[in-house]
């Protein structure tokens, strides 16, 4: 009888369990972190942009408003109070008049104090410095705020919110897969 070393079965080391779960858990965790970063950036940019583009004043009165971009802007009133005889005039940097309409969508927010409600809307054709003048009947007054339309941030807000809402469960699933994978790996 001859000895054939190739015919003997090789002693393979036992397979380590949990490798697939570790890979899946790592990938889910990385994807979730990216989604949450994107969501955080989108939401953070909204807060920064929205808060920095405001000009508060008392009506009747006027204010100079620096628009950083063209687009939809609103005149907000403290609590939605609209003084009797309210008239709003917006003058562009080239001294042309900008059309002002009643606010058609209920836009409101709280900025750490009063509730601001949109009462007028206008579309600015370009970035620049605009003069906003508000007149009212004798004895009528209200606190006013000029700023971008809340609706102009809806797209970024949706992207940020959805990214964050998807990222959190993915992170939890990734961590669970990593834990189960490590337990299986250590027990094999």
N, C-alpha and C. Protein backbone atom coordinates (compact mmCIF):
# COMPACT_ATOMS: atom_id res chain seq x y z
N UNK A 1 0.82 -1.15 0.00
CA UNK A 1 0.00 0.00 0.00
C UNK A 1 0.89 1.24 0.00
N UNK A 2 0.54 2.17 -0.89
CA UNK A 2 1.31 3.40 -0.99
C UNK A 2 0.56 4.55 -0.31
N UNK A 3 1.32 5.47 0.14
CA UNK A 3 0.77 6.62 0.84
C UNK A 3 0.60 7.76 -0.14
N UNK A 4 -0.66 8.26 -0.34
CA UNK A 4 -0.95 9.38 -1.25
C UNK A 4 -1.41 10.58 -0.41
N UNK A 5 -0.53 11.58 -0.22
CA UNK A 5 -0.88 12.72 0.65
C UNK A 5 -2.03 13.54 0.09
N UNK A 6 -2.27 13.52 -1.19
CA UNK A 6 -3.34 14.32 -1.78
C UNK A 6 -4.70 13.73 -1.44
N UNK A 7 -4.81 12.45 -1.26
CA UNK A 7 -6.07 11.78 -1.00
C UNK A 7 -6.59 12.01 0.41
N UNK A 8 -5.75 12.46 1.33
CA UNK A 8 -6.19 12.68 2.70
C UNK A 8 -7.03 13.96 2.78
N UNK A 9 -8.09 13.92 3.54
CA UNK A 9 -8.88 15.15 3.69
C UNK A 9 -8.07 16.17 4.49
N UNK A 10 -8.16 17.42 4.02
CA UNK A 10 -7.43 18.50 4.72
C UNK A 10 -8.21 18.88 5.97
N UNK A 11 -7.48 19.18 7.00
CA UNK A 11 -8.11 19.66 8.22
C UNK A 11 -8.33 21.16 8.08
N UNK A 12 -9.56 21.53 7.70
CA UNK A 12 -9.88 22.95 7.56
C UNK A 12 -10.26 23.50 8.93
N UNK A 13 -9.80 24.72 9.19
CA UNK A 13 -10.20 25.31 10.46
C UNK A 13 -11.71 25.57 10.42
N UNK A 14 -12.37 25.53 11.57
CA UNK A 14 -13.81 25.78 11.58
C UNK A 14 -14.10 27.21 11.12
N UNK A 15 -15.21 27.38 10.36
CA UNK A 15 -15.58 28.71 9.87
C UNK A 15 -16.03 29.57 11.05
N UNK A 16 -15.60 30.81 11.00
CA UNK A 16 -16.02 31.75 12.02
C UNK A 16 -17.42 32.24 11.63
N UNK A 17 -18.34 32.18 12.56
CA UNK A 17 -19.70 32.63 12.31
C UNK A 17 -19.79 34.13 12.54
N UNK A 18 -20.82 34.75 11.96
CA UNK A 18 -21.09 36.16 12.21
C UNK A 18 -20.44 37.13 11.25
N UNK A 19 -19.63 36.65 10.29
CA UNK A 19 -18.91 37.55 9.38
C UNK A 19 -19.88 38.38 8.55
N UNK A 20 -20.92 37.73 8.03
CA UNK A 20 -21.89 38.43 7.19
C UNK A 20 -22.61 39.50 7.99
N UNK A 21 -23.01 39.17 9.21
CA UNK A 21 -23.69 40.16 10.05
C UNK A 21 -22.78 41.34 10.39
N UNK A 22 -21.51 41.09 10.60
CA UNK A 22 -20.57 42.18 10.87
C UNK A 22 -20.45 43.11 9.66
N UNK A 23 -20.40 42.53 8.46
CA UNK A 23 -20.31 43.34 7.24
C UNK A 23 -21.58 44.16 7.05
N UNK A 24 -22.74 43.49 7.18
CA UNK A 24 -24.02 44.19 7.02
C UNK A 24 -24.16 45.29 8.08
N UNK A 25 -23.83 44.98 9.31
CA UNK A 25 -23.91 45.97 10.39
C UNK A 25 -23.01 47.16 10.14
N UNK A 26 -21.80 46.90 9.67
CA UNK A 26 -20.87 48.00 9.37
C UNK A 26 -21.40 48.88 8.25
N UNK A 27 -21.93 48.26 7.19
CA UNK A 27 -22.47 49.03 6.06
C UNK A 27 -23.69 49.85 6.49
N UNK A 28 -24.61 49.24 7.23
CA UNK A 28 -25.79 49.97 7.70
C UNK A 28 -25.40 51.15 8.58
N UNK A 29 -24.43 50.93 9.43
CA UNK A 29 -23.98 52.01 10.32
C UNK A 29 -23.38 53.16 9.52
N UNK A 30 -22.55 52.84 8.53
CA UNK A 30 -21.93 53.89 7.71
C UNK A 30 -22.99 54.67 6.91
N UNK A 31 -23.92 53.95 6.30
CA UNK A 31 -24.97 54.61 5.51
C UNK A 31 -25.82 55.49 6.41
N UNK A 32 -26.16 55.01 7.60
CA UNK A 32 -27.00 55.79 8.51
C UNK A 32 -26.30 57.05 8.97
N UNK A 33 -25.01 56.96 9.24
CA UNK A 33 -24.26 58.15 9.66
C UNK A 33 -24.25 59.19 8.55
N UNK A 34 -24.04 58.74 7.31
CA UNK A 34 -24.05 59.67 6.17
C UNK A 34 -25.42 60.33 6.05
N UNK A 35 -26.50 59.54 6.13
CA UNK A 35 -27.85 60.10 6.03
C UNK A 35 -28.13 61.11 7.14
N UNK A 36 -27.71 60.81 8.35
CA UNK A 36 -27.95 61.73 9.46
C UNK A 36 -27.12 63.01 9.32
N UNK A 37 -25.92 62.90 8.77
CA UNK A 37 -25.11 64.11 8.53
C UNK A 37 -25.78 64.97 7.47
N UNK A 38 -26.24 64.36 6.38
CA UNK A 38 -26.95 65.11 5.32
C UNK A 38 -28.19 65.78 5.91
N UNK A 39 -28.97 65.03 6.69
CA UNK A 39 -30.16 65.59 7.31
C UNK A 39 -29.84 66.74 8.25
N UNK A 40 -28.81 66.58 9.05
CA UNK A 40 -28.39 67.64 9.97
C UNK A 40 -27.93 68.89 9.25
N UNK A 41 -27.19 68.72 8.17
CA UNK A 41 -26.71 69.87 7.39
C UNK A 41 -27.89 70.59 6.76
N UNK A 42 -28.84 69.83 6.17
CA UNK A 42 -30.00 70.44 5.53
C UNK A 42 -30.83 71.23 6.54
N UNK A 43 -31.09 70.64 7.70
CA UNK A 43 -31.90 71.32 8.71
C UNK A 43 -31.13 72.50 9.30
N UNK A 44 -29.83 72.33 9.54
CA UNK A 44 -29.02 73.43 10.07
C UNK A 44 -28.95 74.62 9.13
N UNK A 45 -28.87 74.35 7.83
CA UNK A 45 -28.81 75.45 6.86
C UNK A 45 -30.12 76.22 6.82
N UNK A 46 -31.24 75.52 7.03
CA UNK A 46 -32.54 76.19 7.07
C UNK A 46 -32.59 77.15 8.25
N UNK A 47 -32.20 76.66 9.41
CA UNK A 47 -32.24 77.49 10.62
C UNK A 47 -31.34 78.71 10.45
N UNK A 48 -30.15 78.51 9.91
CA UNK A 48 -29.21 79.61 9.72
C UNK A 48 -29.74 80.62 8.71
N UNK A 49 -30.19 80.11 7.55
CA UNK A 49 -30.68 81.00 6.50
C UNK A 49 -31.92 81.74 6.94
N UNK A 50 -32.88 81.01 7.52
CA UNK A 50 -34.14 81.63 7.90
C UNK A 50 -33.93 82.69 8.96
N UNK A 51 -33.16 82.39 9.97
CA UNK A 51 -32.96 83.33 11.06
C UNK A 51 -32.14 84.55 10.70
N UNK A 52 -31.21 84.41 9.76
CA UNK A 52 -30.33 85.54 9.43
C UNK A 52 -30.98 86.54 8.49
N UNK A 53 -32.04 86.15 7.81
CA UNK A 53 -32.64 87.05 6.82
C UNK A 53 -33.87 87.78 7.31
N UNK A 54 -33.89 88.21 8.56
CA UNK A 54 -35.07 88.86 9.13
C UNK A 54 -34.79 90.31 9.49
N UNK A 55 -35.85 91.11 9.41
CA UNK A 55 -35.77 92.52 9.81
C UNK A 55 -37.04 92.86 10.58
N UNK A 56 -36.91 93.20 11.86
CA UNK A 56 -38.07 93.49 12.71
C UNK A 56 -38.22 94.99 12.87
N UNK A 57 -39.49 95.46 12.87
CA UNK A 57 -39.77 96.89 13.06
C UNK A 57 -41.21 97.05 13.53
N UNK A 58 -41.55 98.27 13.97
CA UNK A 58 -42.92 98.57 14.40
C UNK A 58 -43.65 99.29 13.29
N UNK A 59 -44.93 98.91 13.10
CA UNK A 59 -45.77 99.56 12.10
C UNK A 59 -46.81 100.41 12.81
N UNK A 60 -47.12 101.58 12.32
CA UNK A 60 -46.59 102.14 11.08
C UNK A 60 -45.11 102.48 11.22
N UNK A 61 -44.42 102.30 10.10
CA UNK A 61 -42.99 102.56 10.06
C UNK A 61 -42.38 101.93 8.84
N UNK A 62 -41.06 101.96 8.78
CA UNK A 62 -40.38 101.38 7.63
C UNK A 62 -39.08 100.73 8.08
N UNK A 63 -38.56 99.90 7.20
CA UNK A 63 -37.29 99.24 7.47
C UNK A 63 -36.57 99.02 6.15
N UNK A 64 -35.25 98.90 6.25
CA UNK A 64 -34.44 98.53 5.10
C UNK A 64 -34.16 97.05 5.24
N UNK A 65 -34.43 96.32 4.17
CA UNK A 65 -34.30 94.87 4.20
C UNK A 65 -33.30 94.43 3.14
N UNK A 66 -32.28 93.69 3.56
CA UNK A 66 -31.26 93.18 2.63
C UNK A 66 -31.60 91.75 2.25
N UNK A 67 -32.08 91.56 1.03
CA UNK A 67 -32.41 90.22 0.53
C UNK A 67 -31.14 89.60 -0.03
N UNK A 68 -30.84 88.38 0.42
CA UNK A 68 -29.63 87.70 -0.05
C UNK A 68 -29.85 86.99 -1.37
N UNK A 69 -31.12 86.90 -1.78
CA UNK A 69 -31.45 86.19 -3.02
C UNK A 69 -32.81 86.65 -3.51
N UNK A 70 -33.11 86.37 -4.76
CA UNK A 70 -34.45 86.63 -5.26
C UNK A 70 -35.37 85.57 -4.68
N UNK A 71 -36.67 85.80 -4.76
CA UNK A 71 -37.60 84.78 -4.28
C UNK A 71 -38.76 85.35 -3.50
N UNK A 72 -39.47 84.45 -2.83
CA UNK A 72 -40.68 84.82 -2.09
C UNK A 72 -40.34 85.25 -0.67
N UNK A 73 -40.88 86.41 -0.30
CA UNK A 73 -40.68 86.96 1.03
C UNK A 73 -42.03 87.31 1.63
N UNK A 74 -42.07 87.45 2.95
CA UNK A 74 -43.31 87.72 3.66
C UNK A 74 -43.14 88.85 4.66
N UNK A 75 -44.27 89.52 4.90
CA UNK A 75 -44.38 90.47 6.00
C UNK A 75 -45.16 89.73 7.08
N UNK A 76 -44.51 89.48 8.21
CA UNK A 76 -45.12 88.75 9.32
C UNK A 76 -45.55 89.76 10.38
N UNK A 77 -46.64 89.45 11.07
CA UNK A 77 -47.14 90.29 12.14
C UNK A 77 -47.15 89.49 13.44
N UNK A 78 -46.86 90.15 14.55
CA UNK A 78 -46.88 89.51 15.86
C UNK A 78 -48.31 89.05 16.15
N UNK A 79 -48.51 87.74 16.21
CA UNK A 79 -49.82 87.17 16.50
C UNK A 79 -50.82 87.30 15.36
N UNK A 80 -50.37 87.72 14.20
CA UNK A 80 -51.28 87.87 13.06
C UNK A 80 -52.11 89.14 13.13
N UNK A 81 -51.77 90.05 14.04
CA UNK A 81 -52.51 91.31 14.17
C UNK A 81 -52.27 92.14 12.93
N UNK A 82 -53.38 92.53 12.30
CA UNK A 82 -53.28 93.36 11.10
C UNK A 82 -53.95 94.70 11.42
N UNK A 83 -53.14 95.77 11.58
CA UNK A 83 -53.72 97.07 11.93
C UNK A 83 -54.73 97.53 10.88
N UNK A 84 -55.76 98.24 11.34
CA UNK A 84 -56.76 98.78 10.41
C UNK A 84 -56.07 99.74 9.44
N UNK A 85 -56.50 99.70 8.18
CA UNK A 85 -55.94 100.59 7.17
C UNK A 85 -54.53 100.23 6.74
N UNK A 86 -54.14 98.99 6.94
CA UNK A 86 -52.78 98.55 6.63
C UNK A 86 -52.48 98.72 5.14
N UNK A 87 -51.36 99.33 4.84
CA UNK A 87 -50.89 99.47 3.46
C UNK A 87 -49.39 99.20 3.46
N UNK A 88 -48.95 98.34 2.53
CA UNK A 88 -47.54 97.95 2.48
C UNK A 88 -46.97 98.33 1.12
N UNK A 89 -45.82 98.99 1.15
CA UNK A 89 -45.12 99.37 -0.08
C UNK A 89 -43.70 98.81 -0.01
N UNK A 90 -43.30 98.11 -1.09
CA UNK A 90 -41.94 97.58 -1.17
C UNK A 90 -41.27 98.24 -2.36
N UNK A 91 -40.12 98.88 -2.09
CA UNK A 91 -39.38 99.59 -3.14
C UNK A 91 -38.05 98.88 -3.38
N UNK A 92 -37.81 98.54 -4.65
CA UNK A 92 -36.60 97.83 -5.06
C UNK A 92 -35.40 98.76 -5.07
N UNK A 93 -34.18 98.20 -5.16
CA UNK A 93 -32.97 99.04 -5.19
C UNK A 93 -32.96 100.05 -6.35
N UNK A 94 -33.64 99.73 -7.44
CA UNK A 94 -33.69 100.65 -8.59
C UNK A 94 -34.88 101.61 -8.50
N UNK A 95 -35.49 101.73 -7.32
CA UNK A 95 -36.65 102.58 -7.02
C UNK A 95 -37.94 102.15 -7.71
N UNK A 96 -37.98 100.95 -8.27
CA UNK A 96 -39.23 100.44 -8.83
C UNK A 96 -40.07 99.84 -7.70
N UNK A 97 -41.37 99.72 -7.94
CA UNK A 97 -42.28 99.18 -6.94
C UNK A 97 -42.43 97.68 -7.12
N UNK A 98 -42.46 96.96 -6.01
CA UNK A 98 -42.65 95.51 -6.02
C UNK A 98 -44.10 95.23 -5.61
N UNK A 99 -44.78 94.38 -6.35
CA UNK A 99 -46.18 94.03 -6.08
C UNK A 99 -46.29 93.29 -4.75
N UNK A 100 -47.28 93.70 -3.94
CA UNK A 100 -47.52 93.09 -2.63
C UNK A 100 -48.94 92.53 -2.62
N UNK A 101 -49.09 91.28 -2.17
CA UNK A 101 -50.40 90.64 -2.09
C UNK A 101 -50.67 90.19 -0.65
N UNK A 102 -51.95 89.92 -0.37
CA UNK A 102 -52.29 89.31 0.92
C UNK A 102 -51.69 87.91 0.95
N UNK A 103 -51.26 87.49 2.11
CA UNK A 103 -50.70 86.13 2.25
C UNK A 103 -51.81 85.12 1.98
N UNK A 104 -51.55 84.17 1.08
CA UNK A 104 -52.57 83.20 0.70
C UNK A 104 -52.40 81.86 1.43
N UNK A 105 -51.25 81.61 1.99
CA UNK A 105 -50.97 80.37 2.72
C UNK A 105 -50.72 80.74 4.18
N UNK A 106 -51.25 79.95 5.09
CA UNK A 106 -51.05 80.19 6.51
C UNK A 106 -49.61 79.82 6.89
N UNK A 107 -48.76 80.83 6.97
CA UNK A 107 -47.36 80.62 7.37
C UNK A 107 -47.17 81.27 8.73
N UNK A 108 -46.72 80.46 9.68
CA UNK A 108 -46.51 80.98 11.04
C UNK A 108 -45.33 80.26 11.69
N UNK A 109 -44.67 80.95 12.58
CA UNK A 109 -43.57 80.36 13.33
C UNK A 109 -43.37 81.12 14.62
N UNK A 110 -42.70 80.48 15.57
CA UNK A 110 -42.34 81.13 16.82
C UNK A 110 -40.84 81.25 16.86
N UNK A 111 -40.36 82.44 17.09
CA UNK A 111 -38.92 82.67 17.11
C UNK A 111 -38.41 82.93 18.50
N UNK A 112 -38.76 82.09 19.47
CA UNK A 112 -38.28 82.28 20.83
C UNK A 112 -39.04 83.35 21.56
N UNK A 113 -40.17 83.73 21.05
CA UNK A 113 -40.99 84.76 21.69
C UNK A 113 -42.37 84.74 21.07
N UNK A 114 -42.72 85.82 20.39
CA UNK A 114 -44.07 85.88 19.82
C UNK A 114 -44.26 84.91 18.65
N UNK A 115 -45.54 84.65 18.36
CA UNK A 115 -45.86 83.86 17.17
C UNK A 115 -46.01 84.84 16.00
N UNK A 116 -45.21 84.63 14.97
CA UNK A 116 -45.25 85.49 13.79
C UNK A 116 -46.11 84.82 12.73
N UNK A 117 -47.06 85.60 12.16
CA UNK A 117 -47.99 85.09 11.16
C UNK A 117 -47.86 85.96 9.91
N UNK A 118 -47.73 85.32 8.75
CA UNK A 118 -47.61 86.05 7.48
C UNK A 118 -48.93 86.74 7.15
N UNK A 119 -48.86 88.05 6.86
CA UNK A 119 -50.06 88.79 6.47
C UNK A 119 -49.97 89.35 5.06
N UNK A 120 -48.76 89.48 4.52
CA UNK A 120 -48.56 89.94 3.14
C UNK A 120 -47.41 89.15 2.52
N UNK A 121 -47.43 89.04 1.20
CA UNK A 121 -46.37 88.34 0.48
C UNK A 121 -45.93 89.14 -0.74
N UNK A 122 -44.67 88.98 -1.11
CA UNK A 122 -44.14 89.64 -2.30
C UNK A 122 -42.95 88.85 -2.82
N UNK A 123 -42.71 88.97 -4.11
CA UNK A 123 -41.61 88.27 -4.75
C UNK A 123 -40.56 89.28 -5.16
N UNK A 124 -39.36 89.13 -4.62
CA UNK A 124 -38.27 90.05 -4.96
C UNK A 124 -37.54 89.53 -6.19
N UNK A 125 -37.31 90.40 -7.17
CA UNK A 125 -36.71 89.96 -8.42
C UNK A 125 -35.22 89.65 -8.35
N UNK A 126 -34.54 90.20 -7.35
CA UNK A 126 -33.09 90.00 -7.26
C UNK A 126 -32.62 90.29 -5.84
N UNK A 127 -31.41 89.86 -5.54
CA UNK A 127 -30.81 90.20 -4.25
C UNK A 127 -30.57 91.70 -4.22
N UNK A 128 -30.60 92.27 -3.04
CA UNK A 128 -30.35 93.70 -2.92
C UNK A 128 -31.01 94.26 -1.68
N UNK A 129 -30.94 95.58 -1.53
CA UNK A 129 -31.51 96.27 -0.39
C UNK A 129 -32.84 96.89 -0.78
N UNK A 130 -33.89 96.49 -0.08
CA UNK A 130 -35.24 96.94 -0.37
C UNK A 130 -35.76 97.78 0.79
N UNK A 131 -36.62 98.75 0.48
CA UNK A 131 -37.26 99.57 1.50
C UNK A 131 -38.69 99.08 1.66
N UNK A 132 -39.07 98.72 2.90
CA UNK A 132 -40.42 98.26 3.19
C UNK A 132 -41.06 99.31 4.07
N UNK A 133 -42.19 99.86 3.60
CA UNK A 133 -42.91 100.88 4.36
C UNK A 133 -44.32 100.38 4.65
N UNK A 134 -44.71 100.48 5.91
CA UNK A 134 -46.03 100.04 6.34
C UNK A 134 -46.75 101.22 6.97
N UNK A 135 -47.95 101.51 6.45
CA UNK A 135 -48.77 102.57 7.03
C UNK A 135 -50.06 101.94 7.56
N UNK A 136 -50.69 102.64 8.50
CA UNK A 136 -51.94 102.15 9.10
C UNK A 136 -52.74 103.36 9.57
N UNK A 137 -53.99 103.10 9.91
CA UNK A 137 -54.85 104.17 10.43
C UNK A 137 -54.26 104.74 11.71
N UNK A 138 -54.63 105.98 12.01
CA UNK A 138 -54.18 106.68 13.22
C UNK A 138 -54.48 105.84 14.46
N UNK A 139 -53.48 105.66 15.32
CA UNK A 139 -53.65 104.93 16.57
C UNK A 139 -53.48 103.42 16.44
N UNK A 140 -53.34 102.91 15.24
CA UNK A 140 -53.15 101.48 15.00
C UNK A 140 -51.66 101.18 14.96
N UNK A 141 -51.24 100.04 15.55
CA UNK A 141 -49.83 99.66 15.48
C UNK A 141 -49.69 98.16 15.69
N UNK A 142 -48.55 97.64 15.26
CA UNK A 142 -48.24 96.22 15.45
C UNK A 142 -46.76 96.02 15.19
N UNK A 143 -46.22 94.99 15.83
CA UNK A 143 -44.84 94.61 15.57
C UNK A 143 -44.82 93.82 14.25
N UNK A 144 -43.86 94.13 13.39
CA UNK A 144 -43.75 93.49 12.08
C UNK A 144 -42.37 92.87 11.91
N UNK A 145 -42.30 91.91 11.01
CA UNK A 145 -41.06 91.22 10.71
C UNK A 145 -41.06 90.92 9.21
N UNK A 146 -39.96 91.24 8.53
CA UNK A 146 -39.82 90.93 7.11
C UNK A 146 -38.79 89.81 6.99
N UNK A 147 -39.13 88.79 6.18
CA UNK A 147 -38.19 87.69 6.00
C UNK A 147 -38.64 86.76 4.90
N UNK A 148 -37.85 85.73 4.66
CA UNK A 148 -38.20 84.78 3.60
C UNK A 148 -39.45 83.99 3.95
N UNK A 149 -40.12 83.52 2.92
CA UNK A 149 -41.28 82.66 3.10
C UNK A 149 -40.85 81.33 3.72
N UNK A 150 -41.61 80.85 4.68
CA UNK A 150 -41.32 79.56 5.28
C UNK A 150 -41.38 78.46 4.22
N UNK A 151 -42.29 78.62 3.27
CA UNK A 151 -42.48 77.61 2.23
C UNK A 151 -41.25 77.48 1.32
N UNK A 152 -40.42 78.51 1.24
CA UNK A 152 -39.22 78.42 0.40
C UNK A 152 -38.21 77.41 0.95
N UNK A 153 -38.40 76.99 2.21
CA UNK A 153 -37.50 76.02 2.82
C UNK A 153 -38.10 74.61 2.87
N UNK A 154 -39.28 74.43 2.28
CA UNK A 154 -39.97 73.14 2.37
C UNK A 154 -39.15 72.00 1.76
N UNK A 155 -38.52 72.22 0.61
CA UNK A 155 -37.74 71.16 -0.03
C UNK A 155 -36.56 70.71 0.82
N UNK A 156 -35.80 71.68 1.31
CA UNK A 156 -34.65 71.35 2.15
C UNK A 156 -35.09 70.70 3.46
N UNK A 157 -36.18 71.18 4.00
CA UNK A 157 -36.69 70.60 5.23
C UNK A 157 -37.14 69.16 5.05
N UNK A 158 -37.77 68.89 3.91
CA UNK A 158 -38.21 67.52 3.64
C UNK A 158 -37.02 66.59 3.47
N UNK A 159 -36.01 67.04 2.72
CA UNK A 159 -34.81 66.22 2.53
C UNK A 159 -34.12 65.96 3.87
N UNK A 160 -33.97 67.00 4.67
CA UNK A 160 -33.32 66.85 5.97
C UNK A 160 -34.09 65.94 6.90
N UNK A 161 -35.40 66.14 6.96
CA UNK A 161 -36.22 65.33 7.85
C UNK A 161 -36.26 63.86 7.43
N UNK A 162 -36.44 63.62 6.14
CA UNK A 162 -36.49 62.24 5.65
C UNK A 162 -35.14 61.54 5.85
N UNK A 163 -34.05 62.24 5.53
CA UNK A 163 -32.72 61.66 5.71
C UNK A 163 -32.48 61.27 7.16
N UNK A 164 -32.86 62.16 8.04
CA UNK A 164 -32.65 61.89 9.47
C UNK A 164 -33.55 60.75 9.94
N UNK A 165 -34.81 60.75 9.49
CA UNK A 165 -35.76 59.70 9.91
C UNK A 165 -35.37 58.33 9.38
N UNK A 166 -34.75 58.26 8.23
CA UNK A 166 -34.27 56.98 7.70
C UNK A 166 -32.96 56.59 8.39
N UNK A 167 -32.12 57.57 8.66
CA UNK A 167 -30.82 57.30 9.26
C UNK A 167 -30.87 56.70 10.65
N UNK A 168 -31.79 57.16 11.48
CA UNK A 168 -31.86 56.67 12.87
C UNK A 168 -32.20 55.18 12.93
N UNK A 169 -33.28 54.72 12.24
CA UNK A 169 -33.54 53.26 12.29
C UNK A 169 -32.43 52.43 11.66
N UNK A 170 -31.81 52.95 10.59
CA UNK A 170 -30.69 52.22 9.99
C UNK A 170 -29.53 52.10 10.97
N UNK A 171 -29.28 53.14 11.72
CA UNK A 171 -28.21 53.08 12.72
C UNK A 171 -28.53 52.01 13.77
N UNK A 172 -29.75 52.00 14.23
CA UNK A 172 -30.15 50.98 15.22
C UNK A 172 -30.01 49.57 14.64
N UNK A 173 -30.46 49.38 13.39
CA UNK A 173 -30.34 48.06 12.75
C UNK A 173 -28.87 47.68 12.58
N UNK A 174 -28.03 48.63 12.20
CA UNK A 174 -26.61 48.37 12.04
C UNK A 174 -25.94 47.97 13.34
N UNK A 175 -26.28 48.66 14.42
CA UNK A 175 -25.69 48.34 15.72
C UNK A 175 -26.16 46.95 16.18
N UNK A 176 -27.44 46.62 15.97
CA UNK A 176 -27.94 45.30 16.34
C UNK A 176 -27.20 44.21 15.55
N UNK A 177 -27.03 44.42 14.23
CA UNK A 177 -26.30 43.44 13.42
C UNK A 177 -24.86 43.29 13.90
N UNK A 178 -24.21 44.39 14.25
CA UNK A 178 -22.84 44.32 14.75
C UNK A 178 -22.77 43.54 16.06
N UNK A 179 -23.69 43.79 16.96
CA UNK A 179 -23.68 43.09 18.25
C UNK A 179 -23.91 41.60 18.05
N UNK A 180 -24.93 41.24 17.25
CA UNK A 180 -25.21 39.82 17.01
C UNK A 180 -24.03 39.15 16.30
N UNK A 181 -23.45 39.84 15.32
CA UNK A 181 -22.29 39.30 14.62
C UNK A 181 -21.11 39.07 15.55
N UNK A 182 -20.86 40.01 16.44
CA UNK A 182 -19.75 39.85 17.40
C UNK A 182 -20.02 38.70 18.37
N UNK A 183 -21.25 38.57 18.83
CA UNK A 183 -21.59 37.46 19.75
C UNK A 183 -21.39 36.13 19.05
N UNK A 184 -21.85 36.01 17.80
CA UNK A 184 -21.68 34.75 17.06
C UNK A 184 -20.19 34.49 16.80
N UNK A 185 -19.49 35.51 16.49
CA UNK A 185 -18.05 35.37 16.18
C UNK A 185 -17.30 34.86 17.41
N UNK A 186 -17.59 35.45 18.56
CA UNK A 186 -16.89 35.09 19.78
C UNK A 186 -17.29 33.70 20.30
N UNK A 187 -18.53 33.28 19.99
CA UNK A 187 -18.97 31.98 20.48
C UNK A 187 -18.54 30.83 19.57
N UNK A 188 -18.04 31.11 18.38
CA UNK A 188 -17.64 30.01 17.48
C UNK A 188 -16.17 29.67 17.65
